[in-house]
PDB file of N, CA and C in Angstrom:
ATOM      1  N   UNK A   1      -4.399  -3.142 -29.818  1.00  0.00           N
ATOM      2  CA  UNK A   1      -5.929  -2.625 -29.439  1.00  0.00           C
ATOM      3  C   UNK A   1      -6.228  -3.497 -29.117  1.00  0.00           C
ATOM      4  N   UNK A   2      -6.329  -4.447 -29.981  1.00  0.00           N
ATOM      5  CA  UNK A   2      -7.473  -5.707 -30.184  1.00  0.00           C
ATOM      6  C   UNK A   2      -7.493  -6.632 -29.474  1.00  0.00           C
ATOM      7  N   UNK A   3      -5.632  -6.415 -28.533  1.00  0.00           N
ATOM      8  CA  UNK A   3      -5.403  -7.562 -27.912  1.00  0.00           C
ATOM      9  C   UNK A   3      -5.951  -7.159 -26.472  1.00  0.00           C
ATOM     10  N   UNK A   4      -6.409  -5.380 -26.057  1.00  0.00           N
ATOM     11  CA  UNK A   4      -6.849  -4.848 -24.639  1.00  0.00           C
ATOM     12  C   UNK A   4      -8.375  -5.132 -24.843  1.00  0.00           C
ATOM     13  N   UNK A   5      -8.775  -4.612 -26.234  1.00  0.00           N
ATOM     14  CA  UNK A   5     -10.076  -4.907 -26.002  1.00  0.00           C
ATOM     15  C   UNK A   5     -10.783  -6.933 -26.348  1.00  0.00           C
ATOM     16  N   UNK A   6     -10.060  -7.472 -26.487  1.00  0.00           N
ATOM     17  CA  UNK A   6     -10.510  -9.361 -25.771  1.00  0.00           C
ATOM     18  C   UNK A   6     -10.166  -9.264 -24.505  1.00  0.00           C
ATOM     19  N   UNK A   7      -8.442  -8.681 -23.645  1.00  0.00           N
ATOM     20  CA  UNK A   7      -8.933  -8.678 -23.101  1.00  0.00           C
ATOM     21  C   UNK A   7      -9.665  -7.821 -21.435  1.00  0.00           C
ATOM     22  N   UNK A   8     -10.144  -7.288 -22.246  1.00  0.00           N
ATOM     23  CA  UNK A   8     -11.741  -6.331 -21.634  1.00  0.00           C
ATOM     24  C   UNK A   8     -12.716  -7.192 -21.905  1.00  0.00           C
ATOM     25  N   UNK A   9     -13.163  -7.622 -22.213  1.00  0.00           N
ATOM     26  CA  UNK A   9     -14.003  -9.070 -23.482  1.00  0.00           C
ATOM     27  C   UNK A   9     -14.086 -10.076 -22.530  1.00  0.00           C
ATOM     28  N   UNK A  10     -13.169 -10.428 -22.133  1.00  0.00           N
ATOM     29  CA  UNK A  10     -12.641 -11.736 -21.494  1.00  0.00           C
ATOM     30  C   UNK A  10     -12.999 -12.010 -19.932  1.00  0.00           C
ATOM     31  N   UNK A  11     -12.460 -10.835 -19.164  1.00  0.00           N
ATOM     32  CA  UNK A  11     -12.755  -9.860 -17.990  1.00  0.00           C
ATOM     33  C   UNK A  11     -13.974  -9.638 -18.179  1.00  0.00           C
ATOM     34  N   UNK A  12     -14.747  -8.993 -18.136  1.00  0.00           N
ATOM     35  CA  UNK A  12     -15.727  -9.362 -18.869  1.00  0.00           C
ATOM     36  C   UNK A  12     -17.150 -10.368 -18.534  1.00  0.00           C
ATOM     37  N   UNK A  13     -16.678 -11.270 -19.205  1.00  0.00           N
ATOM     38  CA  UNK A  13     -17.074 -12.645 -18.809  1.00  0.00           C
ATOM     39  C   UNK A  13     -16.694 -13.220 -18.177  1.00  0.00           C
ATOM     40  N   UNK A  14     -16.228 -13.607 -17.986  1.00  0.00           N
ATOM     41  CA  UNK A  14     -15.432 -13.779 -16.362  1.00  0.00           C
ATOM     42  C   UNK A  14     -16.435 -13.146 -15.374  1.00  0.00           C
ATOM     43  N   UNK A  15     -16.154 -12.102 -14.845  1.00  0.00           N
ATOM     44  CA  UNK A  15     -17.134 -11.275 -14.046  1.00  0.00           C
ATOM     45  C   UNK A  15     -19.002 -11.780 -13.884  1.00  0.00           C
ATOM     46  N   UNK A  16     -19.290 -12.109 -15.212  1.00  0.00           N
ATOM     47  CA  UNK A  16     -20.246 -12.010 -15.163  1.00  0.00           C
ATOM     48  C   UNK A  16     -20.497 -14.068 -14.672  1.00  0.00           C
ATOM     49  N   UNK A  17     -19.826 -14.380 -14.684  1.00  0.00           N
ATOM     50  CA  UNK A  17     -20.278 -15.729 -14.838  1.00  0.00           C
ATOM     51  C   UNK A  17     -19.778 -15.437 -13.334  1.00  0.00           C
ATOM     52  N   UNK A  18     -19.275 -15.260 -13.016  1.00  0.00           N
ATOM     53  CA  UNK A  18     -18.494 -15.380 -11.023  1.00  0.00           C
ATOM     54  C   UNK A  18     -19.712 -15.109 -10.477  1.00  0.00           C
ATOM     55  N   UNK A  19     -19.954 -13.736 -10.620  1.00  0.00           N
ATOM     56  CA  UNK A  19     -21.260 -13.331 -10.333  1.00  0.00           C
ATOM     57  C   UNK A  19     -22.787 -14.053 -10.621  1.00  0.00           C
ATOM     58  N   UNK A  20     -22.999 -14.958 -11.499  1.00  0.00           N
ATOM     59  CA  UNK A  20     -23.741 -16.233 -10.651  1.00  0.00           C
ATOM     60  C   UNK A  20     -23.327 -17.507 -10.787  1.00  0.00           C
ATOM     61  N   UNK A  21     -22.818 -18.149 -10.564  1.00  0.00           N
ATOM     62  CA  UNK A  21     -21.971 -19.152  -9.665  1.00  0.00           C
ATOM     63  C   UNK A  21     -21.969 -18.936  -8.312  1.00  0.00           C
ATOM     64  N   UNK A  22     -22.346 -20.287  -7.677  1.00  0.00           N
ATOM     65  CA  UNK A  22     -22.018 -20.550  -6.066  1.00  0.00           C
ATOM     66  C   UNK A  22     -20.918 -18.986  -5.626  1.00  0.00           C
ATOM     67  N   UNK A  23     -21.517 -19.380  -4.080  1.00  0.00           N
ATOM     68  CA  UNK A  23     -20.180 -18.395  -3.068  1.00  0.00           C
ATOM     69  C   UNK A  23     -18.835 -19.882  -2.888  1.00  0.00           C
ATOM     70  N   UNK A  24     -19.382 -20.783  -2.523  1.00  0.00           N
ATOM     71  CA  UNK A  24     -18.741 -22.208  -2.810  1.00  0.00           C
ATOM     72  C   UNK A  24     -17.542 -22.047  -3.777  1.00  0.00           C
ATOM     73  N   UNK A  25     -18.804 -22.342  -4.906  1.00  0.00           N
ATOM     74  CA  UNK A  25     -17.441 -22.596  -6.068  1.00  0.00           C
ATOM     75  C   UNK A  25     -16.688 -21.290  -6.989  1.00  0.00           C
ATOM     76  N   UNK A  26     -17.197 -20.354  -6.440  1.00  0.00           N
ATOM     77  CA  UNK A  26     -16.188 -18.679  -6.489  1.00  0.00           C
ATOM     78  C   UNK A  26     -14.794 -19.174  -6.040  1.00  0.00           C
ATOM     79  N   UNK A  27     -15.023 -19.109  -4.191  1.00  0.00           N
ATOM     80  CA  UNK A  27     -13.528 -19.212  -3.448  1.00  0.00           C
ATOM     81  C   UNK A  27     -13.000 -20.757  -4.332  1.00  0.00           C
ATOM     82  N   UNK A  28     -13.521 -22.041  -4.796  1.00  0.00           N
ATOM     83  CA  UNK A  28     -12.462 -23.023  -4.876  1.00  0.00           C
ATOM     84  C   UNK A  28     -12.136 -22.197  -5.905  1.00  0.00           C
ATOM     85  N   UNK A  29     -12.516 -22.143  -6.764  1.00  0.00           N
ATOM     86  CA  UNK A  29     -11.606 -21.426  -8.489  1.00  0.00           C
ATOM     87  C   UNK A  29     -11.300 -19.931  -7.862  1.00  0.00           C
ATOM     88  N   UNK A  30     -11.176 -18.975  -7.173  1.00  0.00           N
ATOM     89  CA  UNK A  30      -9.895 -18.757  -6.231  1.00  0.00           C
ATOM     90  C   UNK A  30      -8.617 -19.125  -6.428  1.00  0.00           C
ATOM     91  N   UNK A  31      -8.880 -19.854  -5.565  1.00  0.00           N
ATOM     92  CA  UNK A  31      -7.856 -20.975  -4.216  1.00  0.00           C
ATOM     93  C   UNK A  31      -7.091 -21.755  -5.745  1.00  0.00           C
ATOM     94  N   UNK A  32      -7.608 -22.126  -5.998  1.00  0.00           N
ATOM     95  CA  UNK A  32      -6.939 -23.237  -7.556  1.00  0.00           C
ATOM     96  C   UNK A  32      -6.498 -22.507  -8.321  1.00  0.00           C
ATOM     97  N   UNK A  33      -6.506 -20.983  -8.690  1.00  0.00           N
ATOM     98  CA  UNK A  33      -5.859 -20.028  -9.748  1.00  0.00           C
ATOM     99  C   UNK A  33      -5.374 -19.921  -8.893  1.00  0.00           C
ATOM    100  N   UNK A  34      -5.205 -19.363  -7.342  1.00  0.00           N
ATOM    101  CA  UNK A  34      -3.863 -18.755  -6.887  1.00  0.00           C
ATOM    102  C   UNK A  34      -3.019 -19.586  -6.023  1.00  0.00           C
ATOM    103  N   UNK A  35      -2.978 -20.943  -6.353  1.00  0.00           N
ATOM    104  CA  UNK A  35      -2.095 -22.225  -6.203  1.00  0.00           C
ATOM    105  C   UNK A  35      -1.005 -22.340  -7.282  1.00  0.00           C
ATOM    106  N   UNK A  36      -2.151 -22.147  -8.650  1.00  0.00           N
ATOM    107  CA  UNK A  36      -1.561 -21.723 -10.306  1.00  0.00           C
ATOM    108  C   UNK A  36      -0.172 -21.200  -9.795  1.00  0.00           C
ATOM    109  N   UNK A  37      -0.847 -19.469  -9.914  1.00  0.00           N
ATOM    110  CA  UNK A  37       0.042 -18.699  -9.859  1.00  0.00           C
ATOM    111  C   UNK A  37       1.126 -18.345  -8.771  1.00  0.00           C
ATOM    112  N   UNK A  38       1.285 -19.273  -7.943  1.00  0.00           N
ATOM    113  CA  UNK A  38       2.075 -19.181  -6.830  1.00  0.00           C
ATOM    114  C   UNK A  38       3.175 -20.535  -6.654  1.00  0.00           C
ATOM    115  N   UNK A  39       2.965 -21.673  -7.655  1.00  0.00           N
ATOM    116  CA  UNK A  39       3.559 -22.577  -8.301  1.00  0.00           C
ATOM    117  C   UNK A  39       4.409 -21.994  -9.274  1.00  0.00           C
ATOM    118  N   UNK A  40       3.750 -21.148 -10.316  1.00  0.00           N
ATOM    119  CA  UNK A  40       4.218 -20.664 -12.034  1.00  0.00           C
ATOM    120  C   UNK A  40       5.272 -19.670 -10.679  1.00  0.00           C
ATOM    121  N   UNK A  41       4.697 -18.690 -10.169  1.00  0.00           N
ATOM    122  CA  UNK A  41       6.235 -18.083  -9.447  1.00  0.00           C
ATOM    123  C   UNK A  41       7.177 -18.568  -8.875  1.00  0.00           C
ATOM    124  N   UNK A  42       7.133 -19.470  -8.457  1.00  0.00           N
ATOM    125  CA  UNK A  42       8.126 -20.550  -7.678  1.00  0.00           C
ATOM    126  C   UNK A  42       8.747 -20.776  -8.610  1.00  0.00           C
ATOM    127  N   UNK A  43       8.667 -21.510  -9.190  1.00  0.00           N
ATOM    128  CA  UNK A  43       9.039 -22.396 -11.167  1.00  0.00           C
ATOM    129  C   UNK A  43       9.808 -21.548 -11.390  1.00  0.00           C
ATOM    130  N   UNK A  44       9.220 -20.062 -11.898  1.00  0.00           N
ATOM    131  CA  UNK A  44      10.313 -18.849 -12.730  1.00  0.00           C
ATOM    132  C   UNK A  44      11.196 -18.525 -11.920  1.00  0.00           C
ATOM    133  N   UNK A  45      11.018 -18.490 -10.700  1.00  0.00           N
ATOM    134  CA  UNK A  45      12.057 -17.639 -10.451  1.00  0.00           C
ATOM    135  C   UNK A  45      13.247 -18.603  -9.676  1.00  0.00           C
ATOM    136  N   UNK A  46      12.903 -19.776  -9.529  1.00  0.00           N
ATOM    137  CA  UNK A  46      14.128 -21.386  -9.420  1.00  0.00           C
ATOM    138  C   UNK A  46      14.363 -20.821 -10.838  1.00  0.00           C
ATOM    139  N   UNK A  47      14.017 -21.362 -11.999  1.00  0.00           N
ATOM    140  CA  UNK A  47      14.969 -20.978 -13.412  1.00  0.00           C
ATOM    141  C   UNK A  47      15.544 -20.714 -13.362  1.00  0.00           C
ATOM    142  N   UNK A  48      14.974 -18.976 -13.392  1.00  0.00           N
ATOM    143  CA  UNK A  48      16.228 -18.043 -13.633  1.00  0.00           C
ATOM    144  C   UNK A  48      17.417 -18.159 -12.704  1.00  0.00           C
ATOM    145  N   UNK A  49      17.559 -18.529 -11.561  1.00  0.00           N
ATOM    146  CA  UNK A  49      18.130 -18.613 -10.183  1.00  0.00           C
ATOM    147  C   UNK A  49      19.856 -19.705 -11.392  1.00  0.00           C
ATOM    148  N   UNK A  50      18.629 -20.746 -11.711  1.00  0.00           N
ATOM    149  CA  UNK A  50      19.768 -21.462 -12.204  1.00  0.00           C
ATOM    150  C   UNK A  50      20.620 -21.639 -13.708  1.00  0.00           C
ATOM    151  N   UNK A  51      19.555 -20.201 -14.562  1.00  0.00           N
ATOM    152  CA  UNK A  51      20.520 -20.132 -15.626  1.00  0.00           C
ATOM    153  C   UNK A  51      21.773 -18.880 -15.513  1.00  0.00           C
ATOM    154  N   UNK A  52      20.876 -17.790 -14.459  1.00  0.00           N
ATOM    155  CA  UNK A  52      22.128 -16.934 -14.304  1.00  0.00           C
ATOM    156  C   UNK A  52      23.081 -17.271 -13.134  1.00  0.00           C
ATOM    157  N   UNK A  53      23.210 -18.735 -12.571  1.00  0.00           N
ATOM    158  CA  UNK A  53      24.612 -18.906 -11.989  1.00  0.00           C
ATOM    159  C   UNK A  53      25.304 -20.138 -12.922  1.00  0.00           C
ATOM    160  N   UNK A  54      24.354 -20.860 -13.526  1.00  0.00           N
ATOM    161  CA  UNK A  54      25.628 -21.047 -14.729  1.00  0.00           C
ATOM    162  C   UNK A  54      26.363 -20.484 -16.028  1.00  0.00           C
TER     163      UNK A  54
END
């Protein structure tokens, strides 16, 4: 339950920050986070394939 409260607090803080940031900064930050998540997903998928094949 404490984790849920902390996550909602962090989400509210981030949304509040984004609401006051310039649109260009918000779009750049969103793109960086998206690329980071995509790289993470590819690495995870590649790592799992390697584990199961050996």
